PDB file of all heavy atoms in Angstrom:
ATOM      1  N   VAL A   1      63.482  58.767  -7.855  1.00  0.00           N
ATOM      2  CA  VAL A   1      64.861  59.179  -7.588  1.00  0.00           C
ATOM      3  C   VAL A   1      64.881  60.539  -6.899  1.00  0.00           C
ATOM      4  O   VAL A   1      65.579  60.739  -5.897  1.00  0.00           O
ATOM      5  CB  VAL A   1      65.683  59.229  -8.893  1.00  0.00           C
ATOM      6  CG1 VAL A   1      67.068  59.809  -8.615  1.00  0.00           C
ATOM      7  CG2 VAL A   1      65.821  57.835  -9.492  1.00  0.00           C
ATOM      8  N   ALA A   2      64.086  61.489  -7.406  1.00  0.00           N
ATOM      9  CA  ALA A   2      64.043  62.824  -6.802  1.00  0.00           C
ATOM     10  C   ALA A   2      63.500  62.761  -5.381  1.00  0.00           C
ATOM     11  O   ALA A   2      63.976  63.477  -4.493  1.00  0.00           O
ATOM     12  CB  ALA A   2      63.195  63.761  -7.657  1.00  0.00           C
ATOM     13  N   GLY A   3      62.498  61.892  -5.150  1.00  0.00           N
ATOM     14  CA  GLY A   3      61.920  61.774  -3.816  1.00  0.00           C
ATOM     15  C   GLY A   3      62.906  61.232  -2.795  1.00  0.00           C
ATOM     16  O   GLY A   3      62.990  61.736  -1.669  1.00  0.00           O
ATOM     17  N   ILE A   4      63.656  60.207  -3.183  1.00  0.00           N
ATOM     18  CA  ILE A   4      64.658  59.646  -2.281  1.00  0.00           C
ATOM     19  C   ILE A   4      65.788  60.647  -2.042  1.00  0.00           C
ATOM     20  O   ILE A   4      66.236  60.862  -0.906  1.00  0.00           O
ATOM     21  CB  ILE A   4      65.224  58.331  -2.853  1.00  0.00           C
ATOM     22  CG1 ILE A   4      64.123  57.265  -2.952  1.00  0.00           C
ATOM     23  CG2 ILE A   4      66.366  57.819  -1.981  1.00  0.00           C
ATOM     24  CD1 ILE A   4      63.484  56.902  -1.637  1.00  0.00           C
ATOM     25  N   ALA A   5      66.248  61.290  -3.107  1.00  0.00           N
ATOM     26  CA  ALA A   5      67.339  62.255  -2.971  1.00  0.00           C
ATOM     27  C   ALA A   5      66.936  63.455  -2.130  1.00  0.00           C
ATOM     28  O   ALA A   5      67.772  64.081  -1.473  1.00  0.00           O
ATOM     29  CB  ALA A   5      67.801  62.721  -4.350  1.00  0.00           C
ATOM     30  N   ALA A   6      65.622  63.774  -2.114  1.00  0.00           N
ATOM     31  CA  ALA A   6      65.142  64.923  -1.347  1.00  0.00           C
ATOM     32  C   ALA A   6      65.248  64.701   0.154  1.00  0.00           C
ATOM     33  O   ALA A   6      65.152  65.654   0.931  1.00  0.00           O
ATOM     34  CB  ALA A   6      63.694  65.233  -1.725  1.00  0.00           C
ATOM     35  N   ILE A   7      65.450  63.457   0.578  1.00  0.00           N
ATOM     36  CA  ILE A   7      65.574  63.176   2.004  1.00  0.00           C
ATOM     37  C   ILE A   7      66.790  63.889   2.583  1.00  0.00           C
ATOM     38  O   ILE A   7      66.792  64.314   3.739  1.00  0.00           O
ATOM     39  CB  ILE A   7      65.685  61.651   2.238  1.00  0.00           C
ATOM     40  CG1 ILE A   7      64.370  60.972   1.828  1.00  0.00           C
ATOM     41  CG2 ILE A   7      66.015  61.344   3.691  1.00  0.00           C
ATOM     42  CD1 ILE A   7      64.426  59.462   1.903  1.00  0.00           C
ATOM     43  N   GLY A   8      67.832  64.068   1.775  1.00  0.00           N
ATOM     44  CA  GLY A   8      69.043  64.719   2.261  1.00  0.00           C
ATOM     45  C   GLY A   8      70.052  63.690   2.740  1.00  0.00           C
ATOM     46  O   GLY A   8      69.986  62.517   2.381  1.00  0.00           O
ATOM     47  N   ASP A   9      70.978  64.113   3.545  1.00  0.00           N
ATOM     48  CA  ASP A   9      72.025  63.236   4.076  1.00  0.00           C
ATOM     49  C   ASP A   9      71.408  62.255   5.075  1.00  0.00           C
ATOM     50  O   ASP A   9      70.883  62.652   6.116  1.00  0.00           O
ATOM     51  CB  ASP A   9      73.103  64.083   4.771  1.00  0.00           C
ATOM     52  CG  ASP A   9      74.331  63.258   5.143  1.00  0.00           C
ATOM     53  OD1 ASP A   9      74.230  62.012   5.137  1.00  0.00           O
ATOM     54  OD2 ASP A   9      75.370  63.860   5.431  1.00  0.00           O
ATOM     55  N   LEU A  10      71.465  60.978   4.745  1.00  0.00           N
ATOM     56  CA  LEU A  10      70.866  59.957   5.615  1.00  0.00           C
ATOM     57  C   LEU A  10      71.453  59.980   7.021  1.00  0.00           C
ATOM     58  O   LEU A  10      70.768  59.703   8.002  1.00  0.00           O
ATOM     59  CB  LEU A  10      71.059  58.565   4.985  1.00  0.00           C
ATOM     60  CG  LEU A  10      70.230  58.267   3.739  1.00  0.00           C
ATOM     61  CD1 LEU A  10      70.641  56.935   3.138  1.00  0.00           C
ATOM     62  CD2 LEU A  10      68.750  58.237   4.089  1.00  0.00           C
ATOM     63  N   ARG A  11      72.736  60.344   7.150  1.00  0.00           N
ATOM     64  CA  ARG A  11      73.380  60.342   8.461  1.00  0.00           C
ATOM     65  C   ARG A  11      72.919  61.502   9.330  1.00  0.00           C
ATOM     66  O   ARG A  11      73.115  61.492  10.543  1.00  0.00           O
ATOM     67  CB  ARG A  11      74.898  60.396   8.293  1.00  0.00           C
ATOM     68  CG  ARG A  11      75.488  59.159   7.622  1.00  0.00           C
ATOM     69  CD  ARG A  11      76.959  59.345   7.333  1.00  0.00           C
ATOM     70  NE  ARG A  11      77.175  60.484   6.432  1.00  0.00           N
ATOM     71  CZ  ARG A  11      78.386  60.857   6.004  1.00  0.00           C
ATOM     72  NH1 ARG A  11      79.467  60.200   6.406  1.00  0.00           N
ATOM     73  NH2 ARG A  11      78.516  61.882   5.182  1.00  0.00           N
ATOM     74  N   LYS A  12      72.343  62.520   8.691  1.00  0.00           N
ATOM     75  CA  LYS A  12      71.929  63.697   9.441  1.00  0.00           C
ATOM     76  C   LYS A  12      70.429  63.741   9.730  1.00  0.00           C
ATOM     77  O   LYS A  12      69.942  64.669  10.356  1.00  0.00           O
ATOM     78  CB  LYS A  12      72.326  64.966   8.675  1.00  0.00           C
ATOM     79  CG  LYS A  12      73.832  65.139   8.521  1.00  0.00           C
ATOM     80  CD  LYS A  12      74.160  66.407   7.764  1.00  0.00           C
ATOM     81  CE  LYS A  12      75.662  66.576   7.610  1.00  0.00           C
ATOM     82  NZ  LYS A  12      76.020  67.797   6.851  1.00  0.00           N
ATOM     83  N   LEU A  13      69.730  62.737   9.253  1.00  0.00           N
ATOM     84  CA  LEU A  13      68.289  62.746   9.460  1.00  0.00           C
ATOM     85  C   LEU A  13      67.923  62.567  10.929  1.00  0.00           C
ATOM     86  O   LEU A  13      66.991  63.185  11.427  1.00  0.00           O
ATOM     87  CB  LEU A  13      67.626  61.647   8.611  1.00  0.00           C
ATOM     88  CG  LEU A  13      67.563  61.899   7.116  1.00  0.00           C
ATOM     89  CD1 LEU A  13      66.890  60.736   6.421  1.00  0.00           C
ATOM     90  CD2 LEU A  13      66.829  63.195   6.822  1.00  0.00           C
ATOM     91  N   GLY A  14      68.623  61.680  11.608  1.00  0.00           N
ATOM     92  CA  GLY A  14      68.401  61.490  13.031  1.00  0.00           C
ATOM     93  C   GLY A  14      67.032  60.927  13.340  1.00  0.00           C
ATOM     94  O   GLY A  14      66.388  60.257  12.532  1.00  0.00           O
ATOM     95  N   SER A  15      66.552  61.256  14.513  1.00  0.00           N
ATOM     96  CA  SER A  15      65.309  60.669  15.010  1.00  0.00           C
ATOM     97  C   SER A  15      64.097  61.110  14.200  1.00  0.00           C
ATOM     98  O   SER A  15      63.137  60.339  14.043  1.00  0.00           O
ATOM     99  CB  SER A  15      65.121  61.045  16.476  1.00  0.00           C
ATOM    100  OG  SER A  15      65.107  62.454  16.631  1.00  0.00           O
ATOM    101  N   VAL A  16      64.098  62.323  13.691  1.00  0.00           N
ATOM    102  CA  VAL A  16      62.954  62.795  12.914  1.00  0.00           C
ATOM    103  C   VAL A  16      62.807  61.994  11.631  1.00  0.00           C
ATOM    104  O   VAL A  16      61.707  61.525  11.291  1.00  0.00           O
ATOM    105  CB  VAL A  16      63.107  64.297  12.578  1.00  0.00           C
ATOM    106  CG1 VAL A  16      62.018  64.743  11.603  1.00  0.00           C
ATOM    107  CG2 VAL A  16      63.049  65.141  13.840  1.00  0.00           C
ATOM    108  N   GLY A  17      63.903  61.791  10.921  1.00  0.00           N
ATOM    109  CA  GLY A  17      63.851  61.111   9.639  1.00  0.00           C
ATOM    110  C   GLY A  17      63.385  59.677   9.710  1.00  0.00           C
ATOM    111  O   GLY A  17      62.463  59.284   8.990  1.00  0.00           O
ATOM    112  N   TRP A  18      63.984  58.874  10.601  1.00  0.00           N
ATOM    113  CA  TRP A  18      63.619  57.458  10.598  1.00  0.00           C
ATOM    114  C   TRP A  18      62.214  57.245  11.135  1.00  0.00           C
ATOM    115  O   TRP A  18      61.503  56.342  10.690  1.00  0.00           O
ATOM    116  CB  TRP A  18      64.647  56.616  11.355  1.00  0.00           C
ATOM    117  CG  TRP A  18      64.626  56.689  12.862  1.00  0.00           C
ATOM    118  CD1 TRP A  18      65.435  57.421  13.669  1.00  0.00           C
ATOM    119  CD2 TRP A  18      63.761  55.947  13.738  1.00  0.00           C
ATOM    120  NE1 TRP A  18      65.134  57.217  14.989  1.00  0.00           N
ATOM    121  CE2 TRP A  18      64.119  56.303  15.072  1.00  0.00           C
ATOM    122  CE3 TRP A  18      62.739  55.022  13.542  1.00  0.00           C
ATOM    123  CZ2 TRP A  18      63.467  55.774  16.179  1.00  0.00           C
ATOM    124  CZ3 TRP A  18      62.095  54.496  14.651  1.00  0.00           C
ATOM    125  CH2 TRP A  18      62.447  54.877  15.951  1.00  0.00           C
ATOM    126  N   ARG A  19      61.785  58.097  12.067  1.00  0.00           N
ATOM    127  CA  ARG A  19      60.415  57.959  12.566  1.00  0.00           C
ATOM    128  C   ARG A  19      59.395  58.296  11.478  1.00  0.00           C
ATOM    129  O   ARG A  19      58.385  57.594  11.308  1.00  0.00           O
ATOM    130  CB  ARG A  19      60.201  58.866  13.776  1.00  0.00           C
ATOM    131  CG  ARG A  19      60.817  58.346  15.066  1.00  0.00           C
ATOM    132  CD  ARG A  19      60.501  59.278  16.225  1.00  0.00           C
ATOM    133  NE  ARG A  19      60.868  58.705  17.510  1.00  0.00           N
ATOM    134  CZ  ARG A  19      62.056  58.817  18.082  1.00  0.00           C
ATOM    135  NH1 ARG A  19      63.015  59.501  17.447  1.00  0.00           N
ATOM    136  NH2 ARG A  19      62.307  58.268  19.246  1.00  0.00           N
ATOM    137  N   ALA A  20      59.655  59.372  10.742  1.00  0.00           N
ATOM    138  CA  ALA A  20      58.742  59.759   9.670  1.00  0.00           C
ATOM    139  C   ALA A  20      58.679  58.687   8.581  1.00  0.00           C
ATOM    140  O   ALA A  20      57.597  58.292   8.146  1.00  0.00           O
ATOM    141  CB  ALA A  20      59.174  61.098   9.070  1.00  0.00           C
ATOM    142  N   LEU A  21      59.844  58.198   8.164  1.00  0.00           N
ATOM    143  CA  LEU A  21      59.880  57.176   7.123  1.00  0.00           C
ATOM    144  C   LEU A  21      59.198  55.894   7.574  1.00  0.00           C
ATOM    145  O   LEU A  21      58.491  55.242   6.797  1.00  0.00           O
ATOM    146  CB  LEU A  21      61.330  56.896   6.711  1.00  0.00           C
ATOM    147  CG  LEU A  21      62.046  58.026   5.976  1.00  0.00           C
ATOM    148  CD1 LEU A  21      63.521  57.687   5.765  1.00  0.00           C
ATOM    149  CD2 LEU A  21      61.383  58.302   4.632  1.00  0.00           C
ATOM    150  N   LEU A  22      59.406  55.510   8.842  1.00  0.00           N
ATOM    151  CA  LEU A  22      58.755  54.310   9.359  1.00  0.00           C
ATOM    152  C   LEU A  22      57.237  54.453   9.331  1.00  0.00           C
ATOM    153  O   LEU A  22      56.514  53.531   8.907  1.00  0.00           O
ATOM    154  CB  LEU A  22      59.237  54.033  10.781  1.00  0.00           C
ATOM    155  CG  LEU A  22      58.613  52.808  11.474  1.00  0.00           C
ATOM    156  CD1 LEU A  22      58.975  51.526  10.716  1.00  0.00           C
ATOM    157  CD2 LEU A  22      59.081  52.709  12.934  1.00  0.00           C
ATOM    158  N   LEU A  23      56.739  55.613   9.753  1.00  0.00           N
ATOM    159  CA  LEU A  23      55.295  55.836   9.741  1.00  0.00           C
ATOM    160  C   LEU A  23      54.758  55.871   8.315  1.00  0.00           C
ATOM    161  O   LEU A  23      53.666  55.348   8.045  1.00  0.00           O
ATOM    162  CB  LEU A  23      54.964  57.142  10.460  1.00  0.00           C
ATOM    163  CG  LEU A  23      55.098  57.113  11.986  1.00  0.00           C
ATOM    164  CD1 LEU A  23      54.921  58.510  12.575  1.00  0.00           C
ATOM    165  CD2 LEU A  23      54.071  56.165  12.605  1.00  0.00           C
ATOM    166  N   PHE A  24      55.503  56.462   7.393  1.00  0.00           N
ATOM    167  CA  PHE A  24      55.068  56.481   5.997  1.00  0.00           C
ATOM    168  C   PHE A  24      54.923  55.065   5.443  1.00  0.00           C
ATOM    169  O   PHE A  24      53.931  54.741   4.793  1.00  0.00           O
ATOM    170  CB  PHE A  24      56.078  57.258   5.134  1.00  0.00           C
ATOM    171  CG  PHE A  24      56.059  58.748   5.343  1.00  0.00           C
ATOM    172  CD1 PHE A  24      57.172  59.517   5.024  1.00  0.00           C
ATOM    173  CD2 PHE A  24      54.934  59.383   5.852  1.00  0.00           C
ATOM    174  CE1 PHE A  24      57.160  60.892   5.200  1.00  0.00           C
ATOM    175  CE2 PHE A  24      54.911  60.758   6.046  1.00  0.00           C
ATOM    176  CZ  PHE A  24      56.034  61.514   5.728  1.00  0.00           C
ATOM    177  N   VAL A  25      55.912  54.218   5.705  1.00  0.00           N
ATOM    178  CA  VAL A  25      55.901  52.860   5.168  1.00  0.00           C
ATOM    179  C   VAL A  25      54.798  52.025   5.808  1.00  0.00           C
ATOM    180  O   VAL A  25      54.037  51.336   5.116  1.00  0.00           O
ATOM    181  CB  VAL A  25      57.278  52.182   5.372  1.00  0.00           C
ATOM    182  CG1 VAL A  25      57.201  50.706   4.999  1.00  0.00           C
ATOM    183  CG2 VAL A  25      58.349  52.877   4.532  1.00  0.00           C
ATOM    184  N   VAL A  26      54.695  52.081   7.141  1.00  0.00           N
ATOM    185  CA  VAL A  26      53.706  51.271   7.851  1.00  0.00           C
ATOM    186  C   VAL A  26      52.286  51.678   7.458  1.00  0.00           C
ATOM    187  O   VAL A  26      51.438  50.829   7.144  1.00  0.00           O
ATOM    188  CB  VAL A  26      53.903  51.385   9.379  1.00  0.00           C
ATOM    189  CG1 VAL A  26      52.745  50.721  10.116  1.00  0.00           C
ATOM    190  CG2 VAL A  26      55.223  50.743   9.792  1.00  0.00           C
ATOM    191  N   THR A  27      52.007  52.981   7.471  1.00  0.00           N
ATOM    192  CA  THR A  27      50.658  53.427   7.117  1.00  0.00           C
ATOM    193  C   THR A  27      50.349  53.143   5.647  1.00  0.00           C
ATOM    194  O   THR A  27      49.205  52.827   5.303  1.00  0.00           O
ATOM    195  CB  THR A  27      50.482  54.922   7.402  1.00  0.00           C
ATOM    196  OG1 THR A  27      51.498  55.678   6.710  1.00  0.00           O
ATOM    197  CG2 THR A  27      50.576  55.213   8.889  1.00  0.00           C
ATOM    198  N   GLY A  28      51.366  53.220   4.784  1.00  0.00           N
ATOM    199  CA  GLY A  28      51.152  52.901   3.374  1.00  0.00           C
ATOM    200  C   GLY A  28      50.778  51.441   3.167  1.00  0.00           C
ATOM    201  O   GLY A  28      49.884  51.125   2.374  1.00  0.00           O
ATOM    202  N   GLN A  29      51.449  50.551   3.893  1.00  0.00           N
ATOM    203  CA  GLN A  29      51.117  49.133   3.794  1.00  0.00           C
ATOM    204  C   GLN A  29      49.722  48.832   4.335  1.00  0.00           C
ATOM    205  O   GLN A  29      48.960  48.067   3.741  1.00  0.00           O
ATOM    206  CB  GLN A  29      52.159  48.306   4.550  1.00  0.00           C
ATOM    207  CG  GLN A  29      53.420  48.014   3.759  1.00  0.00           C
ATOM    208  CD  GLN A  29      53.160  47.074   2.596  1.00  0.00           C
ATOM    209  OE1 GLN A  29      52.852  45.891   2.778  1.00  0.00           O
ATOM    210  NE2 GLN A  29      53.266  47.595   1.380  1.00  0.00           N
ATOM    211  N   ILE A  30      49.382  49.442   5.454  1.00  0.00           N
ATOM    212  CA  ILE A  30      48.031  49.254   6.008  1.00  0.00           C
ATOM    213  C   ILE A  30      46.983  49.732   5.010  1.00  0.00           C
ATOM    214  O   ILE A  30      45.956  49.078   4.793  1.00  0.00           O
ATOM    215  CB  ILE A  30      47.890  50.005   7.348  1.00  0.00           C
ATOM    216  CG1 ILE A  30      48.784  49.372   8.410  1.00  0.00           C
ATOM    217  CG2 ILE A  30      46.430  49.989   7.816  1.00  0.00           C
ATOM    218  CD1 ILE A  30      48.826  50.139   9.725  1.00  0.00           C
TER     219      ILE A  30
END
């Protein structure tokens, strides 16, 4: 819960946020 909440406002993340999260998920699955 703390980790997800630490992301901040989802609408303000912009290009940095979704790219980082995508790389985290993809590399984690690999």
